[in-house]
Amino acid sequence: MEESARKNRNKERLATLFPTFSRRVARVISRLERDGLRPRIQDAWRSPADQKKAFETGHSKLLFGFHNVTGANGNPEALAVDLLDDDLPLNPRRTYILRLAAASEAEGLRTGVRWGLPQQLQAAIDNAISASDWNASVKVGWDPLHVEPTHITVAEARGGKRPA
């Protein structure tokens, strides 16, 4: 994607996020850009119909998730993004995945990099990030480019709770 289009896309999608989450994701994007990477928000807020498609195609395990959160007025307040490597959107580099996890964790967020992995493989990811070994040969979880808040559940978000 052309650079100006990538930046505009990110700006548009950041506007569909809950404000405090949006600011954290913007800082994650800035961190990755400082490292010479080109993060692109592929998905932010999703309609219930789009979420159902994601569920039916195996891209989500939830019929309602952080991507679907809205405010009391019905306006989008998503609490999740899928942050692709714009240079290799279909086959992200391990360095991108690990740097995304590190940048997200530095902002109090988490990715799906560890999802579905046994503790030993999760520990290898932790070690790679601690050592800034961005090319470590580690196995990654089933949704490594998904970014969401910590300390809140989907049920709490659906009920109106938002991250500080």
Protein backbone atom coordinates (compact mmCIF):
# COMPACT_ATOMS: atom_id res chain seq x y z
CA MET A 1 0.00 0.00 0.00
CA GLU A 2 1.24 3.49 -0.79
CA GLU A 3 2.59 5.22 2.34
CA SER A 4 0.03 8.04 2.40
CA ALA A 5 -2.81 5.53 1.96
CA ARG A 6 -1.44 3.39 4.84
CA LYS A 7 -1.23 6.40 7.14
CA ASN A 8 -4.74 7.57 6.19
CA ARG A 9 -6.13 4.07 6.72
CA ASN A 10 -4.55 3.93 10.18
CA LYS A 11 -5.95 7.37 11.05
CA GLU A 12 -9.47 6.39 9.93
CA ARG A 13 -9.43 3.14 11.86
CA LEU A 14 -7.95 4.70 15.00
CA ALA A 15 -11.05 6.93 15.04
CA THR A 16 -13.27 3.84 15.46
CA LEU A 17 -11.50 2.82 18.69
CA PHE A 18 -12.24 3.78 22.28
CA PRO A 19 -10.07 6.89 22.91
CA THR A 20 -7.62 5.52 25.50
CA PHE A 21 -7.15 2.34 23.47
CA SER A 22 -6.73 4.40 20.30
CA ARG A 23 -3.94 6.44 21.88
CA ARG A 24 -2.12 3.27 22.96
CA VAL A 25 -2.43 1.70 19.50
CA ALA A 26 -1.16 4.94 17.93
CA ARG A 27 1.92 4.72 20.18
CA VAL A 28 2.43 1.06 19.15
CA ILE A 29 2.31 2.15 15.51
CA SER A 30 4.83 4.94 16.20
CA ARG A 31 7.20 2.52 17.94
CA LEU A 32 7.07 0.13 15.00
CA GLU A 33 7.55 2.92 12.49
CA ARG A 34 10.64 4.11 14.42
CA ASP A 35 11.99 0.58 13.92
CA GLY A 36 11.53 0.97 10.16
CA LEU A 37 8.36 -1.12 9.97
CA ARG A 38 5.10 -0.21 8.23
CA PRO A 39 2.17 -1.32 10.41
CA ARG A 40 -1.30 -1.16 8.87
CA ILE A 41 -4.55 -1.50 10.76
CA GLN A 42 -6.42 -4.07 8.71
CA ASP A 43 -9.41 -4.40 11.02
CA ALA A 44 -10.54 -2.26 13.92
CA TRP A 45 -14.28 -1.93 14.58
CA ARG A 46 -16.33 -4.68 12.96
CA SER A 47 -20.06 -4.83 12.44
CA PRO A 48 -21.86 -7.85 13.93
CA ALA A 49 -22.25 -9.21 10.37
CA ASP A 50 -18.52 -8.91 9.71
CA GLN A 51 -17.76 -10.53 13.06
CA LYS A 52 -20.06 -13.42 12.19
CA LYS A 53 -18.12 -13.91 8.93
CA ALA A 54 -14.83 -13.85 10.84
CA PHE A 55 -16.23 -16.47 13.23
CA GLU A 56 -17.58 -18.67 10.45
CA THR A 57 -14.31 -18.58 8.52
CA GLY A 58 -12.24 -19.41 11.61
CA HIS A 59 -10.62 -15.98 11.94
CA SER A 60 -12.29 -15.44 15.32
CA LYS A 61 -13.44 -17.73 18.08
CA LEU A 62 -16.10 -15.25 19.23
CA LEU A 63 -19.41 -14.10 17.78
CA PHE A 64 -19.00 -10.89 19.81
CA GLY A 65 -15.52 -9.67 20.61
CA PHE A 66 -13.45 -6.59 21.31
CA HIS A 67 -13.76 -5.58 17.64
CA ASN A 68 -17.55 -5.17 18.08
CA VAL A 69 -17.68 -2.85 21.10
CA THR A 70 -19.83 0.26 20.77
CA GLY A 71 -20.71 3.07 23.12
CA ALA A 72 -24.13 3.63 24.69
CA ASN A 73 -25.01 5.72 21.63
CA GLY A 74 -24.12 2.85 19.28
CA ASN A 75 -21.00 4.52 17.91
CA PRO A 76 -17.91 2.32 17.44
CA GLU A 77 -15.61 2.03 20.46
CA ALA A 78 -13.59 -1.01 19.37
CA LEU A 79 -11.02 -2.44 21.72
CA ALA A 80 -9.11 -4.53 19.18
CA VAL A 81 -7.14 -4.10 15.99
CA ASP A 82 -5.44 -6.46 13.60
CA LEU A 83 -2.14 -4.72 12.88
CA LEU A 84 -0.57 -6.15 9.75
CA ASP A 85 2.92 -5.71 8.35
CA ASP A 86 2.08 -3.65 5.27
CA ASP A 87 5.17 -4.91 3.46
CA LEU A 88 4.16 -8.58 3.91
CA PRO A 89 0.49 -8.60 4.93
CA LEU A 90 -0.11 -12.27 4.11
CA ASN A 91 3.15 -13.62 5.53
CA PRO A 92 4.48 -11.35 8.28
CA ARG A 93 8.10 -11.62 9.26
CA ARG A 94 8.88 -13.04 12.68
CA THR A 95 10.74 -9.82 13.47
CA TYR A 96 7.52 -7.87 12.87
CA ILE A 97 5.46 -10.24 15.03
CA LEU A 98 7.91 -10.08 17.93
CA ARG A 99 8.37 -6.31 17.70
CA LEU A 100 4.58 -5.89 17.60
CA ALA A 101 4.24 -7.99 20.75
CA ALA A 102 6.98 -6.01 22.51
CA ALA A 103 5.58 -2.62 21.46
CA SER A 104 2.07 -3.64 22.49
CA GLU A 105 3.21 -4.93 25.87
CA ALA A 106 5.13 -1.69 26.47
CA GLU A 107 1.78 0.11 26.06
CA GLY A 108 -0.10 -2.24 28.43
CA LEU A 109 -1.69 -4.20 25.58
CA ARG A 110 -1.42 -7.81 24.46
CA THR A 111 -1.33 -9.63 21.16
CA GLY A 112 -2.39 -13.13 20.19
CA VAL A 113 1.24 -14.16 19.74
CA ARG A 114 0.99 -16.68 22.62
CA TRP A 115 -2.57 -17.90 22.01
CA GLY A 116 -2.89 -21.65 21.85
CA LEU A 117 0.74 -22.32 22.72
CA PRO A 118 1.95 -24.47 25.62
CA GLN A 119 3.81 -22.68 28.43
CA GLN A 120 7.24 -23.74 27.15
CA LEU A 121 6.66 -22.13 23.75
CA GLN A 122 5.21 -19.01 25.39
CA ALA A 123 8.37 -18.78 27.51
CA ALA A 124 10.49 -18.85 24.33
CA ILE A 125 8.56 -15.80 23.08
CA ASP A 126 9.11 -14.06 26.43
CA ASN A 127 12.84 -14.81 26.23
CA ALA A 128 13.11 -13.54 22.65
CA ILE A 129 11.37 -10.28 23.56
CA SER A 130 13.47 -9.82 26.73
CA ALA A 131 16.65 -10.30 24.70
CA SER A 132 15.38 -8.15 21.80
CA ASP A 133 16.09 -11.19 19.64
CA TRP A 134 13.67 -10.22 16.89
CA ASN A 135 14.80 -13.06 14.64
CA ALA A 136 14.45 -15.79 17.25
CA SER A 137 13.12 -19.05 15.89
CA VAL A 138 9.94 -19.23 17.95
CA LYS A 139 6.54 -20.69 17.28
CA VAL A 140 3.75 -18.09 17.39
CA GLY A 141 0.14 -18.38 18.48
CA TRP A 142 -2.89 -18.48 16.24
CA ASP A 143 -3.58 -14.71 16.01
CA PRO A 144 -0.24 -12.90 16.49
CA LEU A 145 -1.28 -9.63 14.80
CA HIS A 146 -4.38 -9.09 16.95
CA VAL A 147 -3.93 -6.36 19.59
CA GLU A 148 -6.29 -5.84 22.56
CA PRO A 149 -6.29 -4.38 26.07
CA THR A 150 -5.34 -6.22 29.22
CA HIS A 151 -7.29 -6.27 32.50
CA ILE A 152 -10.70 -6.35 30.83
CA THR A 153 -12.81 -9.17 29.44
CA VAL A 154 -15.04 -9.11 26.39
CA ALA A 155 -18.05 -9.56 28.71
CA GLU A 156 -16.99 -6.54 30.78
CA ALA A 157 -16.49 -4.44 27.64
CA ARG A 158 -19.89 -5.51 26.33
CA GLY A 159 -21.32 -4.38 29.67
CA GLY A 160 -19.80 -0.90 29.36
CA LYS A 161 -16.40 -1.20 31.07
CA ARG A 162 -13.52 0.48 29.24
CA PRO A 163 -9.78 0.50 29.83
CA ALA A 164 -8.26 3.49 31.60
